[in-house]
Protein backbone atom coordinates (compact mmCIF):
# COMPACT_ATOMS: atom_id res chain seq x y z
CA TYR A 1 4.01 14.16 -9.67
CA ILE A 2 1.07 16.23 -8.53
CA GLY A 3 3.08 19.43 -8.29
CA LEU A 4 3.02 19.91 -4.53
CA ASP A 5 5.99 20.37 -2.24
CA PRO A 6 5.02 18.58 0.99
CA VAL A 7 7.21 20.87 3.08
CA ASN A 8 6.18 24.26 1.69
CA ASP A 9 2.79 23.74 0.02
CA ILE A 10 0.99 21.69 2.64
CA GLU A 11 -0.01 22.41 6.22
CA TRP A 12 -0.08 18.95 7.76
CA VAL A 13 -2.84 18.34 10.30
CA ILE A 14 -3.10 15.28 12.50
CA GLU A 15 -6.70 14.31 13.14
CA PRO A 16 -6.64 11.02 15.06
CA GLU A 17 -10.25 11.30 16.22
CA ARG A 18 -13.04 11.15 13.64
CA PRO A 19 -11.06 12.11 10.49
CA VAL A 20 -13.97 11.33 8.15
CA GLU A 21 -16.31 13.59 10.10
CA ALA A 22 -13.68 16.35 10.40
CA PHE A 23 -13.13 16.23 6.64
CA ALA A 24 -16.89 16.32 5.99
CA GLU A 25 -17.16 19.34 8.32
CA GLY A 26 -14.49 21.18 6.31
CA LYS A 27 -11.86 21.27 9.06
CA PHE A 28 -9.24 20.53 6.40
CA ASP A 29 -9.18 20.49 2.61
CA ALA A 30 -7.63 17.12 1.85
CA TYR A 31 -6.87 13.88 3.60
CA LEU A 32 -4.94 10.71 2.92
CA PHE A 33 -7.56 8.05 3.49
CA THR A 34 -7.22 4.30 3.39
CA PRO A 35 -10.07 1.80 3.10
CA PRO A 36 -12.81 1.81 4.18
CA GLU A 37 -12.89 5.61 4.54
CA PRO A 38 -12.87 6.39 0.78
CA GLN A 39 -15.81 4.04 0.30
CA LYS A 40 -17.73 5.70 3.15
CA LEU A 41 -17.08 9.17 1.72
CA ARG A 42 -18.01 8.06 -1.79
CA ALA A 43 -21.28 6.57 -0.51
CA LYS A 44 -22.13 9.89 1.18
CA LYS A 45 -21.00 11.90 -1.88
CA ILE A 46 -18.45 13.81 0.21
CA GLY A 47 -15.30 15.17 -1.41
CA HIS A 48 -13.45 14.26 -4.57
CA THR A 49 -10.54 11.93 -5.18
CA ILE A 50 -7.49 13.89 -6.32
CA LEU A 51 -5.08 10.95 -6.44
CA ASP A 52 -5.88 7.26 -6.66
CA THR A 53 -2.65 5.31 -6.54
CA ASN A 54 -4.47 2.24 -7.87
CA LEU A 55 -5.40 4.07 -11.08
CA ASP A 56 -3.24 7.17 -11.55
CA ARG A 57 0.11 6.82 -13.30
CA PRO A 58 2.93 6.61 -12.41
CA TRP A 59 1.80 5.48 -8.94
CA SER A 60 -0.38 2.69 -10.33
CA GLN A 61 2.66 1.07 -11.95
CA HIS A 62 4.30 0.37 -8.59
CA PHE A 63 3.64 -1.46 -5.39
CA CYS A 64 1.69 0.68 -2.96
CA CYS A 65 3.11 -1.23 -0.02
CA MET A 66 6.21 -3.25 0.65
CA ILE A 67 7.16 -5.84 3.24
CA SER A 68 10.09 -5.05 5.49
CA ALA A 69 12.08 -6.80 8.18
CA THR A 70 15.26 -6.01 10.02
CA SER A 71 18.38 -7.61 8.59
CA ASP A 72 18.99 -9.20 11.99
CA TYR A 73 15.59 -10.94 11.89
CA VAL A 74 16.07 -12.17 8.32
CA THR A 75 19.54 -13.50 9.16
CA ARG A 76 18.40 -15.23 12.36
CA TYR A 77 15.10 -16.58 11.01
CA PRO A 78 15.37 -17.21 7.26
CA VAL A 79 12.82 -20.04 7.25
CA ALA A 80 10.24 -17.93 9.11
CA THR A 81 10.93 -15.00 6.79
CA LYS A 82 10.25 -17.12 3.73
CA ARG A 83 7.11 -18.61 5.29
CA VAL A 84 5.72 -15.17 6.05
CA LEU A 85 6.37 -13.99 2.50
CA ARG A 86 4.83 -17.14 1.03
CA ALA A 87 1.70 -16.69 3.17
CA ILE A 88 1.38 -13.04 2.12
CA PHE A 89 1.74 -13.91 -1.58
CA LYS A 90 -0.80 -16.72 -1.31
CA GLY A 91 -3.14 -14.37 0.55
CA ALA A 92 -2.82 -11.82 -2.23
CA ASP A 93 -3.65 -14.52 -4.76
CA LEU A 94 -6.74 -15.48 -2.76
CA CYS A 95 -7.89 -11.85 -2.52
CA ALA A 96 -7.55 -11.54 -6.30
CA SER A 97 -9.12 -14.86 -7.23
CA ASP A 98 -12.13 -14.78 -4.89
CA PRO A 99 -12.78 -11.31 -3.47
CA SER A 100 -16.38 -12.14 -2.53
CA TRP A 101 -15.37 -15.10 -0.37
CA THR A 102 -12.47 -13.14 1.12
CA ALA A 103 -14.73 -10.20 2.00
CA GLY A 104 -17.13 -12.61 3.69
CA GLN A 105 -14.29 -14.09 5.74
CA LEU A 106 -13.12 -10.62 6.80
CA VAL A 107 -16.61 -9.82 8.07
CA ASP A 108 -17.28 -13.25 9.62
CA ARG A 109 -14.02 -13.14 11.56
CA GLY A 110 -14.65 -9.62 12.83
CA PHE A 111 -11.85 -7.81 10.99
CA VAL A 112 -14.24 -5.40 9.24
CA PRO A 113 -17.90 -4.55 9.88
CA SER A 114 -19.15 -4.11 6.31
CA TYR A 115 -19.16 -6.76 3.58
CA ASP A 116 -19.82 -4.14 0.88
CA TYR A 117 -16.87 -1.97 1.91
CA ALA A 118 -14.61 -5.03 2.21
CA ARG A 119 -15.66 -6.29 -1.23
CA GLN A 120 -15.14 -2.87 -2.79
CA THR A 121 -11.71 -2.54 -1.18
CA LEU A 122 -10.66 -5.96 -2.45
CA SER A 123 -11.76 -4.94 -5.94
CA ASP A 124 -10.07 -1.53 -5.78
CA ILE A 125 -6.70 -2.84 -4.61
CA ARG A 126 -5.09 -4.74 -7.45
CA TYR A 127 -3.97 -7.87 -5.62
CA ASP A 128 -3.67 -9.56 -9.01
CA ARG A 129 -0.87 -7.23 -10.11
CA TRP A 130 1.79 -8.20 -7.58
CA ARG A 131 3.33 -10.65 -10.04
CA ASP A 132 3.68 -7.90 -12.65
CA TYR A 133 5.39 -5.24 -10.58
CA ASP A 134 9.15 -4.91 -10.22
CA ALA A 135 9.93 -4.49 -6.52
CA GLU A 136 13.28 -2.81 -7.13
CA ALA A 137 11.73 -0.37 -9.63
CA SER A 138 9.09 0.48 -7.03
CA MET A 139 11.76 1.11 -4.40
CA LEU A 140 13.64 3.32 -6.85
CA PHE A 141 10.47 5.26 -7.69
CA TYR A 142 9.63 5.96 -4.04
CA ALA A 143 13.23 6.61 -3.01
CA LEU A 144 13.50 9.24 -5.76
CA ARG A 145 10.25 10.88 -4.58
CA MET A 146 11.53 10.88 -0.99
CA GLN A 147 14.85 12.34 -2.09
CA GLU A 148 13.13 15.06 -4.14
CA THR A 149 11.06 16.12 -1.13
CA GLY A 150 13.97 16.04 1.30
CA MET A 151 12.68 13.08 3.27
CA ILE A 152 15.94 11.19 2.70
CA LYS A 153 19.42 12.53 2.06
CA SER A 154 21.18 9.52 0.54
CA SER A 155 20.83 8.68 -3.12
CA ALA A 156 18.06 6.39 -4.25
CA GLN A 157 20.64 3.93 -5.54
CA ARG A 158 22.41 3.83 -2.17
CA THR A 159 19.10 3.36 -0.38
CA ILE A 160 18.36 0.33 -2.56
CA ALA A 161 21.88 -1.09 -2.34
CA GLU A 162 22.02 -0.84 1.45
CA GLY A 163 18.39 -1.37 2.35
CA THR A 164 17.03 -4.17 0.17
CA ASP A 165 17.52 -7.89 -0.26
CA TRP A 166 15.53 -9.57 -3.01
CA ARG A 167 16.76 -13.15 -2.41
CA PHE A 168 13.58 -14.42 -0.75
CA LEU A 169 11.35 -12.71 -3.29
CA ASP A 170 13.32 -14.22 -6.17
CA GLU A 171 13.22 -17.70 -4.59
CA LEU A 172 9.46 -17.51 -4.04
CA LYS A 173 8.84 -16.28 -7.57
CA ARG A 174 10.57 -19.43 -8.84
CA GLU A 175 8.79 -21.64 -6.31
CA LEU A 176 5.36 -20.20 -7.05
CA LYS A 177 6.12 -20.33 -10.81
CA MET A 178 5.80 -16.67 -11.57
């Protein structure tokens, strides 16, 4: 989708210490940043965004992140599984409906140091879109990308058939009237 083969076209570098500073110093040409690093770099006018999965198609049409659990856990603790999913969905709704309050809570409770970065992150990430996305279509999209790059050997369809269970999601969609 951006024309790069991750095996042959990219020299992967692990920079666990000070990645923002190392990028700013030119120690590598590109980096996969997650909030709040993009906001910090943008504020300092360092670098350019080459892919924003919140905005750039086809990435922006799919979930960026998915929730996973072992089948053993889901089988043994179905009530807890559903409660966790419900809490995550309600949290996403809160992030979308009141990002200013949510950012304040993140700062007040010590999860993040900067209100401005938290607020910007909550605005950048489309928490309001989770009701619109098709989880299975997102899994298919990413499984196909992983298959194309050699990260998985099995077919995308087999990966979905053997590795997903949408029962709890479907139940919660009905319960939360989506």
